């Protein structure tokens, strides 16, 4: 599960970068008045990257806590 989480974390980061570039280029060529609202999608993808990173750290802390509790019960 760890590899999947790392791949998905970098997927969201890569998607946000690619979308930012596409929206910026389209904004320059077509006009920002039409493409400005698509930055919301970029922000959502970037938010998913940070959310995934935060959840992975939270899961690691919780797994360490559970391992510590299990070790205490055995002693």
Protein backbone atom coordinates (compact mmCIF):
# COMPACT_ATOMS: atom_id res chain seq x y z
CA UNK A 1 0.00 0.00 0.00
CA UNK A 2 2.94 2.33 0.58
CA UNK A 3 4.02 2.31 -3.06
CA UNK A 4 0.49 3.04 -4.22
CA UNK A 5 0.23 6.02 -1.88
CA UNK A 6 3.55 7.45 -3.05
CA UNK A 7 2.61 7.02 -6.70
CA UNK A 8 -0.75 8.69 -6.18
CA UNK A 9 0.83 11.56 -4.23
CA UNK A 10 3.20 12.33 -7.10
CA UNK A 11 0.39 11.79 -9.62
CA UNK A 12 -1.56 14.67 -8.06
CA UNK A 13 1.53 16.88 -8.03
CA UNK A 14 2.32 16.09 -11.66
CA UNK A 15 -1.31 16.60 -12.68
CA UNK A 16 -1.44 20.00 -11.01
CA UNK A 17 1.77 21.11 -12.75
CA UNK A 18 0.60 19.91 -16.17
CA UNK A 19 -2.82 21.49 -15.73
CA UNK A 20 -1.25 24.76 -14.62
CA UNK A 21 0.90 24.83 -17.74
CA UNK A 22 -2.02 23.98 -20.04
CA UNK A 23 -4.35 26.55 -18.49
CA UNK A 24 -1.65 29.23 -18.58
CA UNK A 25 -0.80 28.57 -22.23
CA UNK A 26 -4.47 28.51 -23.19
CA UNK A 27 -4.98 31.69 -21.19
CA UNK A 28 -2.22 33.42 -23.09
CA UNK A 29 -3.34 32.20 -26.52
CA UNK A 30 -7.13 32.35 -26.17
CA UNK A 31 -7.59 34.80 -23.33
CA UNK A 32 -7.64 34.65 -19.57
CA UNK A 33 -11.23 35.81 -19.40
CA UNK A 34 -12.25 32.40 -20.73
CA UNK A 35 -9.62 30.18 -19.05
CA UNK A 36 -9.19 31.83 -15.64
CA UNK A 37 -11.88 29.68 -14.01
CA UNK A 38 -9.93 26.51 -14.84
CA UNK A 39 -7.35 27.45 -12.22
CA UNK A 40 -9.87 26.07 -9.74
CA UNK A 41 -9.15 22.58 -11.10
CA UNK A 42 -5.42 23.23 -10.71
CA UNK A 43 -6.00 24.29 -7.10
CA UNK A 44 -8.07 21.15 -6.46
CA UNK A 45 -5.31 18.89 -7.82
CA UNK A 46 -2.70 20.70 -5.75
CA UNK A 47 -4.97 20.43 -2.73
CA UNK A 48 -5.26 16.69 -3.28
CA UNK A 49 -1.45 16.45 -3.29
CA UNK A 50 -1.21 18.22 0.07
CA UNK A 51 -4.14 16.24 1.47
CA UNK A 52 -2.54 12.96 0.39
CA UNK A 53 0.79 13.98 1.95
CA UNK A 54 -0.92 14.96 5.22
CA UNK A 55 -2.92 11.72 5.34
CA UNK A 56 0.19 9.60 4.71
CA UNK A 57 2.02 11.28 7.60
CA UNK A 58 -1.03 10.86 9.80
CA UNK A 59 -1.29 7.17 8.91
CA UNK A 60 2.39 6.59 9.68
CA UNK A 61 2.02 8.22 13.10
CA UNK A 62 -1.07 6.16 13.84
CA UNK A 63 0.64 2.92 12.76
CA UNK A 64 3.58 3.74 15.04
CA UNK A 65 1.16 4.43 17.90
CA UNK A 66 -0.60 1.10 17.36
CA UNK A 67 2.73 -0.74 17.27
CA UNK A 68 3.72 0.95 20.51
CA UNK A 69 0.44 -0.03 22.15
CA UNK A 70 0.85 -3.62 21.00
CA UNK A 71 4.39 -3.71 22.41
CA UNK A 72 3.12 -2.42 25.75
CA UNK A 73 0.43 -5.09 25.89
CA UNK A 74 2.97 -7.87 25.30
CA UNK A 75 5.17 -6.70 28.18
